């Protein structure tokens, strides 16, 4: 597997291993983020770093994937991000470390689902009457 250009099968297997590890890590991150989402804890930089640390330290994840694969998901040390209680905002950037992207997506998905549920909730009857009389 050292020379991926020599054997397309090795390249395909490496890609499959990476995809499997990425799905595994995303599942772990989403489960961690869900604990905070249900408590309505906002996604701050400090929380994002905590989610990243917990996900990458997950023993199940480490046992299912080799060290080289695990290293692909670690954020490079030369990519510093704030460690404050400010709300996370990446703007329009799409170049995020994997764990950060998975956590942000989990929060965005939860917000969309909450908005969808709020839009489909029927207005209570007493609220309808109050609006009509106002």
N, C-alpha and C. Protein backbone atom coordinates (compact mmCIF):
# COMPACT_ATOMS: atom_id res chain seq x y z
N UNK A 1 0.82 -1.19 0.00
CA UNK A 1 0.00 0.00 0.00
C UNK A 1 0.86 1.25 0.00
N UNK A 2 2.16 1.08 -0.09
CA UNK A 2 3.05 2.22 -0.10
C UNK A 2 2.98 3.01 -1.40
N UNK A 3 2.79 2.32 -2.53
CA UNK A 3 2.77 2.99 -3.81
C UNK A 3 1.36 2.89 -4.39
N UNK A 4 0.52 3.89 -4.07
CA UNK A 4 -0.87 3.84 -4.47
C UNK A 4 -1.05 4.03 -5.97
N UNK A 5 -0.07 4.64 -6.63
CA UNK A 5 -0.16 4.84 -8.08
C UNK A 5 0.04 3.52 -8.82
N UNK A 6 0.77 2.60 -8.22
CA UNK A 6 1.08 1.33 -8.88
C UNK A 6 -0.12 0.40 -8.92
N UNK A 7 -0.98 0.48 -7.93
CA UNK A 7 -2.07 -0.47 -7.84
C UNK A 7 -3.39 0.27 -7.55
N UNK A 8 -4.24 0.42 -8.56
CA UNK A 8 -5.51 1.11 -8.35
C UNK A 8 -6.39 0.46 -7.28
N UNK A 9 -6.24 -0.83 -7.09
CA UNK A 9 -7.02 -1.52 -6.06
C UNK A 9 -6.64 -1.00 -4.67
N UNK A 10 -5.34 -0.80 -4.44
CA UNK A 10 -4.90 -0.24 -3.16
C UNK A 10 -5.46 1.16 -2.95
N UNK A 11 -5.50 1.94 -4.02
CA UNK A 11 -6.04 3.29 -3.94
C UNK A 11 -7.53 3.25 -3.60
N UNK A 12 -8.26 2.36 -4.20
CA UNK A 12 -9.69 2.22 -3.93
C UNK A 12 -9.92 1.76 -2.50
N UNK A 13 -9.09 0.83 -2.03
CA UNK A 13 -9.22 0.36 -0.65
C UNK A 13 -8.91 1.48 0.34
N UNK A 14 -7.90 2.27 0.06
CA UNK A 14 -7.55 3.40 0.94
C UNK A 14 -8.70 4.40 0.99
N UNK A 15 -9.29 4.68 -0.15
CA UNK A 15 -10.43 5.61 -0.19
C UNK A 15 -11.60 5.06 0.60
N UNK A 16 -11.85 3.78 0.48
CA UNK A 16 -12.94 3.14 1.23
C UNK A 16 -12.67 3.20 2.73
N UNK A 17 -11.44 2.92 3.12
CA UNK A 17 -11.07 3.00 4.54
C UNK A 17 -11.28 4.41 5.07
N UNK A 18 -10.90 5.41 4.27
CA UNK A 18 -11.07 6.80 4.69
C UNK A 18 -12.55 7.14 4.84
N UNK A 19 -13.36 6.75 3.88
CA UNK A 19 -14.80 7.02 3.94
C UNK A 19 -15.44 6.35 5.16
N UNK A 20 -15.01 5.14 5.44
CA UNK A 20 -15.54 4.41 6.60
C UNK A 20 -15.17 5.13 7.89
N UNK A 21 -13.93 5.55 7.99
CA UNK A 21 -13.48 6.27 9.18
C UNK A 21 -14.20 7.61 9.31
N UNK A 22 -14.40 8.31 8.21
CA UNK A 22 -15.09 9.60 8.24
C UNK A 22 -16.53 9.43 8.71
N UNK A 23 -17.22 8.41 8.21
CA UNK A 23 -18.60 8.15 8.66
C UNK A 23 -18.63 7.80 10.14
N UNK A 24 -17.68 7.01 10.57
CA UNK A 24 -17.57 6.62 11.97
C UNK A 24 -17.38 7.86 12.84
N UNK A 25 -16.44 8.72 12.44
CA UNK A 25 -16.16 9.93 13.22
C UNK A 25 -17.36 10.87 13.22
N UNK A 26 -18.02 10.98 12.08
CA UNK A 26 -19.21 11.85 12.03
C UNK A 26 -20.28 11.35 12.99
N UNK A 27 -20.49 10.06 13.04
CA UNK A 27 -21.48 9.48 13.97
C UNK A 27 -21.10 9.81 15.42
N UNK A 28 -19.83 9.67 15.76
CA UNK A 28 -19.35 9.97 17.11
C UNK A 28 -19.58 11.44 17.43
N UNK A 29 -19.20 12.33 16.51
CA UNK A 29 -19.34 13.77 16.74
C UNK A 29 -20.81 14.14 16.89
N UNK A 30 -21.66 13.59 16.03
CA UNK A 30 -23.09 13.90 16.12
C UNK A 30 -23.67 13.45 17.47
N UNK A 31 -23.24 12.30 17.97
CA UNK A 31 -23.72 11.85 19.28
C UNK A 31 -23.25 12.77 20.40
N UNK A 32 -22.02 13.21 20.33
CA UNK A 32 -21.51 14.14 21.34
C UNK A 32 -22.27 15.46 21.25
N UNK A 33 -22.39 16.00 20.04
CA UNK A 33 -23.08 17.28 19.85
C UNK A 33 -24.54 17.19 20.31
N UNK A 34 -25.17 16.06 20.07
CA UNK A 34 -26.58 15.89 20.45
C UNK A 34 -26.80 16.10 21.94
N UNK A 35 -25.83 15.70 22.75
CA UNK A 35 -25.96 15.91 24.20
C UNK A 35 -26.10 17.39 24.53
N UNK A 36 -25.42 18.24 23.79
CA UNK A 36 -25.47 19.68 24.03
C UNK A 36 -26.67 20.31 23.33
N UNK A 37 -27.00 19.80 22.18
CA UNK A 37 -28.13 20.34 21.42
C UNK A 37 -29.43 20.17 22.20
N UNK A 38 -29.65 18.99 22.79
CA UNK A 38 -30.90 18.76 23.53
C UNK A 38 -31.00 19.65 24.77
N UNK A 39 -29.85 20.08 25.28
CA UNK A 39 -29.83 21.01 26.42
C UNK A 39 -29.83 22.46 25.96
N UNK A 40 -29.89 22.67 24.65
CA UNK A 40 -29.90 23.99 24.02
C UNK A 40 -28.65 24.81 24.38
N UNK A 41 -27.52 24.11 24.46
CA UNK A 41 -26.24 24.78 24.71
C UNK A 41 -25.74 25.30 23.36
N UNK A 42 -25.46 26.59 23.26
CA UNK A 42 -24.98 27.12 21.97
C UNK A 42 -23.58 26.59 21.63
N UNK A 43 -23.30 26.52 20.36
CA UNK A 43 -22.00 26.04 19.91
C UNK A 43 -20.99 27.18 19.98
N UNK A 44 -20.18 27.13 21.01
CA UNK A 44 -19.12 28.13 21.19
C UNK A 44 -17.80 27.52 20.75
N UNK A 45 -16.80 28.38 20.60
CA UNK A 45 -15.48 27.88 20.24
C UNK A 45 -14.96 26.90 21.29
N UNK A 46 -15.17 27.23 22.56
CA UNK A 46 -14.69 26.35 23.63
C UNK A 46 -15.38 24.99 23.56
N UNK A 47 -16.68 24.99 23.32
CA UNK A 47 -17.42 23.72 23.21
C UNK A 47 -16.96 22.95 21.97
N UNK A 48 -16.72 23.65 20.89
CA UNK A 48 -16.26 22.98 19.67
C UNK A 48 -14.93 22.28 19.90
N UNK A 49 -14.03 22.92 20.61
CA UNK A 49 -12.75 22.29 20.95
C UNK A 49 -12.96 21.07 21.86
N UNK A 50 -13.91 21.18 22.78
CA UNK A 50 -14.20 20.06 23.69
C UNK A 50 -14.79 18.88 22.92
N UNK A 51 -15.68 19.16 21.98
CA UNK A 51 -16.26 18.10 21.15
C UNK A 51 -15.16 17.43 20.33
N UNK A 52 -14.28 18.24 19.76
CA UNK A 52 -13.17 17.70 18.98
C UNK A 52 -12.28 16.78 19.83
N UNK A 53 -11.92 17.25 21.01
CA UNK A 53 -11.06 16.45 21.88
C UNK A 53 -11.72 15.14 22.27
N UNK A 54 -13.00 15.19 22.63
CA UNK A 54 -13.70 13.98 23.03
C UNK A 54 -13.84 13.00 21.87
N UNK A 55 -14.17 13.51 20.68
CA UNK A 55 -14.35 12.64 19.52
C UNK A 55 -13.05 11.95 19.14
N UNK A 56 -11.96 12.71 19.10
CA UNK A 56 -10.69 12.12 18.68
C UNK A 56 -10.09 11.19 19.74
N UNK A 57 -10.56 11.34 20.98
CA UNK A 57 -10.09 10.47 22.06
C UNK A 57 -10.98 9.24 22.24
N UNK A 58 -12.02 9.13 21.43
CA UNK A 58 -12.95 8.01 21.54
C UNK A 58 -12.20 6.70 21.33
N UNK A 59 -12.24 5.84 22.34
CA UNK A 59 -11.49 4.59 22.28
C UNK A 59 -12.00 3.65 21.19
N UNK A 60 -13.29 3.65 20.97
CA UNK A 60 -13.84 2.81 19.91
C UNK A 60 -13.33 3.24 18.55
N UNK A 61 -13.32 4.55 18.31
CA UNK A 61 -12.82 5.08 17.05
C UNK A 61 -11.35 4.70 16.87
N UNK A 62 -10.56 4.88 17.93
CA UNK A 62 -9.13 4.57 17.86
C UNK A 62 -8.89 3.08 17.63
N UNK A 63 -9.76 2.24 18.17
CA UNK A 63 -9.54 0.80 18.01
C UNK A 63 -9.98 0.29 16.63
N UNK A 64 -10.87 1.02 15.97
CA UNK A 64 -11.37 0.58 14.67
C UNK A 64 -10.53 1.05 13.49
N UNK A 65 -9.64 2.01 13.73
CA UNK A 65 -8.87 2.60 12.63
C UNK A 65 -7.40 2.71 13.02
N UNK A 66 -6.50 2.54 12.04
CA UNK A 66 -5.08 2.58 12.35
C UNK A 66 -4.60 4.01 12.58
N UNK A 67 -3.39 4.14 13.11
CA UNK A 67 -2.84 5.43 13.50
C UNK A 67 -2.73 6.40 12.32
N UNK A 68 -2.39 5.88 11.16
CA UNK A 68 -2.29 6.75 9.97
C UNK A 68 -3.65 7.35 9.66
N UNK A 69 -4.68 6.53 9.70
CA UNK A 69 -6.03 7.02 9.42
C UNK A 69 -6.46 8.03 10.47
N UNK A 70 -6.19 7.75 11.73
CA UNK A 70 -6.56 8.67 12.81
C UNK A 70 -5.88 10.03 12.60
N UNK A 71 -4.64 9.99 12.17
CA UNK A 71 -3.89 11.22 11.95
C UNK A 71 -4.49 12.11 10.89
N UNK A 72 -5.20 11.52 9.94
CA UNK A 72 -5.83 12.30 8.89
C UNK A 72 -6.95 13.20 9.40
N UNK A 73 -7.48 12.87 10.56
CA UNK A 73 -8.59 13.65 11.10
C UNK A 73 -8.17 14.64 12.17
N UNK A 74 -6.91 14.62 12.54
CA UNK A 74 -6.44 15.58 13.54
C UNK A 74 -6.24 16.94 12.89
N UNK A 75 -6.63 17.98 13.59
CA UNK A 75 -6.48 19.34 13.08
C UNK A 75 -5.01 19.72 13.13
N UNK A 76 -4.47 20.21 12.03
CA UNK A 76 -3.06 20.62 12.05
C UNK A 76 -2.81 21.69 13.11
N UNK A 77 -1.71 21.60 13.79
CA UNK A 77 -1.42 22.54 14.87
C UNK A 77 -1.23 23.97 14.36
N UNK A 78 -0.93 24.12 13.08
CA UNK A 78 -0.77 25.47 12.54
C UNK A 78 -2.10 26.08 12.09
N UNK A 79 -3.21 25.44 12.43
CA UNK A 79 -4.54 25.99 12.17
C UNK A 79 -5.20 26.34 13.51
N UNK A 80 -4.78 27.44 14.11
CA UNK A 80 -5.36 27.80 15.41
C UNK A 80 -6.77 28.37 15.26
N UNK A 81 -7.61 28.05 16.19
CA UNK A 81 -8.96 28.61 16.25
C UNK A 81 -9.15 29.17 17.64
N UNK A 82 -10.02 30.15 17.79
CA UNK A 82 -10.23 30.75 19.13
C UNK A 82 -10.68 29.69 20.13
N UNK A 83 -10.37 29.93 21.38
CA UNK A 83 -10.87 29.07 22.46
C UNK A 83 -11.60 29.96 23.45
N UNK A 84 -12.68 30.57 22.95
CA UNK A 84 -13.46 31.50 23.74
C UNK A 84 -14.89 31.01 23.87
N UNK A 85 -15.69 31.76 24.60
CA UNK A 85 -17.10 31.44 24.74
C UNK A 85 -17.96 32.18 23.71
N UNK A 86 -17.31 32.73 22.69
CA UNK A 86 -18.04 33.35 21.58
C UNK A 86 -18.69 32.26 20.74
N UNK A 87 -19.82 32.59 20.15
CA UNK A 87 -20.51 31.65 19.28
C UNK A 87 -19.66 31.40 18.03
N UNK A 88 -19.63 30.15 17.62
CA UNK A 88 -18.85 29.76 16.45
C UNK A 88 -19.43 30.40 15.20
N UNK A 89 -18.55 30.98 14.38
CA UNK A 89 -18.97 31.53 13.11
C UNK A 89 -17.83 31.36 12.12
N UNK A 90 -18.04 30.49 11.15
CA UNK A 90 -17.04 30.27 10.12
C UNK A 90 -17.33 31.10 8.88
N UNK A 91 -18.39 31.87 8.91
CA UNK A 91 -18.76 32.65 7.74
C UNK A 91 -19.08 31.72 6.58
N UNK A 92 -18.51 32.00 5.44
CA UNK A 92 -18.78 31.16 4.27
C UNK A 92 -17.66 30.16 4.01
N UNK A 93 -16.76 30.01 4.98
CA UNK A 93 -15.64 29.09 4.79
C UNK A 93 -16.14 27.65 4.70
N UNK A 94 -15.57 26.92 3.78
CA UNK A 94 -15.91 25.50 3.69
C UNK A 94 -14.67 24.63 3.90
N UNK A 95 -13.60 25.24 4.36
CA UNK A 95 -12.36 24.52 4.64
C UNK A 95 -12.24 24.35 6.15
N UNK A 96 -12.96 23.38 6.68
CA UNK A 96 -12.98 23.15 8.12
C UNK A 96 -12.36 21.80 8.45
N UNK A 97 -11.72 21.72 9.61
CA UNK A 97 -11.30 20.39 10.06
C UNK A 97 -12.53 19.49 10.17
N UNK A 98 -12.35 18.22 9.96
CA UNK A 98 -13.48 17.28 9.89
C UNK A 98 -14.39 17.35 11.12
N UNK A 99 -13.82 17.29 12.30
CA UNK A 99 -14.66 17.28 13.50
C UNK A 99 -15.44 18.58 13.60
N UNK A 100 -14.81 19.71 13.31
CA UNK A 100 -15.50 20.99 13.35
C UNK A 100 -16.67 20.97 12.36
N UNK A 101 -16.43 20.51 11.15
CA UNK A 101 -17.48 20.47 10.13
C UNK A 101 -18.63 19.57 10.57
N UNK A 102 -18.33 18.41 11.14
CA UNK A 102 -19.38 17.50 11.59
C UNK A 102 -20.21 18.13 12.71
N UNK A 103 -19.57 18.81 13.65
CA UNK A 103 -20.28 19.44 14.77
C UNK A 103 -21.14 20.60 14.26
N UNK A 104 -20.60 21.43 13.41
CA UNK A 104 -21.36 22.54 12.85
C UNK A 104 -22.56 22.01 12.08
N UNK A 105 -22.37 20.97 11.28
CA UNK A 105 -23.49 20.37 10.54
C UNK A 105 -24.56 19.83 11.47
N UNK A 106 -24.14 19.21 12.57
CA UNK A 106 -25.11 18.68 13.53
C UNK A 106 -25.96 19.81 14.12
N UNK A 107 -25.31 20.92 14.47
CA UNK A 107 -26.04 22.07 15.01
C UNK A 107 -26.95 22.68 13.95
N UNK A 108 -26.47 22.81 12.73
CA UNK A 108 -27.29 23.37 11.65
C UNK A 108 -28.48 22.47 11.35
N UNK A 109 -28.27 21.16 11.32
CA UNK A 109 -29.37 20.22 11.09
C UNK A 109 -30.41 20.33 12.20
N UNK A 110 -29.96 20.44 13.44
CA UNK A 110 -30.88 20.57 14.58
C UNK A 110 -31.68 21.87 14.49
N UNK A 111 -31.04 22.94 14.07
CA UNK A 111 -31.74 24.22 13.93
C UNK A 111 -32.79 24.15 12.83
N UNK A 112 -32.44 23.51 11.71
CA UNK A 112 -33.41 23.35 10.61
C UNK A 112 -34.59 22.50 11.06
N UNK A 113 -34.31 21.43 11.79
CA UNK A 113 -35.38 20.55 12.27
C UNK A 113 -36.28 21.29 13.27
N UNK A 114 -35.69 22.08 14.15
CA UNK A 114 -36.48 22.86 15.10
C UNK A 114 -37.36 23.87 14.37
N UNK A 115 -36.83 24.52 13.34
CA UNK A 115 -37.61 25.48 12.56
C UNK A 115 -38.74 24.77 11.82
N UNK A 116 -38.43 23.59 11.27
CA UNK A 116 -39.46 22.82 10.57
C UNK A 116 -40.58 22.42 11.51
N UNK A 117 -40.21 21.95 12.69
CA UNK A 117 -41.23 21.55 13.67
C UNK A 117 -42.05 22.74 14.13
N UNK A 118 -41.39 23.87 14.33
CA UNK A 118 -42.12 25.08 14.77
C UNK A 118 -43.11 25.52 13.70
N UNK A 119 -42.73 25.38 12.44
CA UNK A 119 -43.61 25.80 11.35
C UNK A 119 -44.80 24.87 11.18
N UNK A 120 -44.66 23.62 11.59
CA UNK A 120 -45.76 22.67 11.41
C UNK A 120 -46.63 22.52 12.66
N UNK A 121 -46.22 23.14 13.76
CA UNK A 121 -47.01 23.06 14.98
C UNK A 121 -48.29 23.87 14.80
N UNK A 122 -49.42 23.28 15.12
CA UNK A 122 -50.66 24.05 15.03
C UNK A 122 -50.69 25.14 16.10
N UNK A 123 -51.28 26.26 15.76
CA UNK A 123 -51.43 27.35 16.72
C UNK A 123 -52.49 26.93 17.72
N UNK A 124 -52.21 27.03 19.03
CA UNK A 124 -53.22 26.65 20.02
C UNK A 124 -54.51 27.44 19.81
N UNK A 125 -55.64 26.79 20.07
CA UNK A 125 -56.95 27.39 19.82
C UNK A 125 -57.11 28.70 20.55
N UNK A 126 -56.68 28.80 21.80
CA UNK A 126 -56.84 30.05 22.54
C UNK A 126 -56.01 31.18 21.92
N UNK A 127 -54.89 30.87 21.28
CA UNK A 127 -54.08 31.88 20.60
C UNK A 127 -54.81 32.37 19.35
N UNK A 128 -55.51 31.48 18.67
CA UNK A 128 -56.26 31.85 17.48
C UNK A 128 -57.37 32.82 17.85
N UNK A 129 -58.06 32.54 18.97
CA UNK A 129 -59.14 33.40 19.42
C UNK A 129 -58.62 34.78 19.80
N UNK A 130 -57.47 34.82 20.50
CA UNK A 130 -56.89 36.09 20.91
C UNK A 130 -56.52 36.94 19.70
N UNK A 131 -55.98 36.31 18.67
CA UNK A 131 -55.61 37.05 17.45
C UNK A 131 -56.87 37.61 16.76
N UNK A 132 -57.93 36.83 16.77
CA UNK A 132 -59.16 37.27 16.09
C UNK A 132 -59.78 38.47 16.80
N UNK A 133 -59.65 38.53 18.11
CA UNK A 133 -60.25 39.62 18.89
C UNK A 133 -59.33 40.85 18.99
N UNK A 134 -58.09 40.70 18.60
CA UNK A 134 -57.15 41.81 18.76
C UNK A 134 -57.33 42.91 17.76
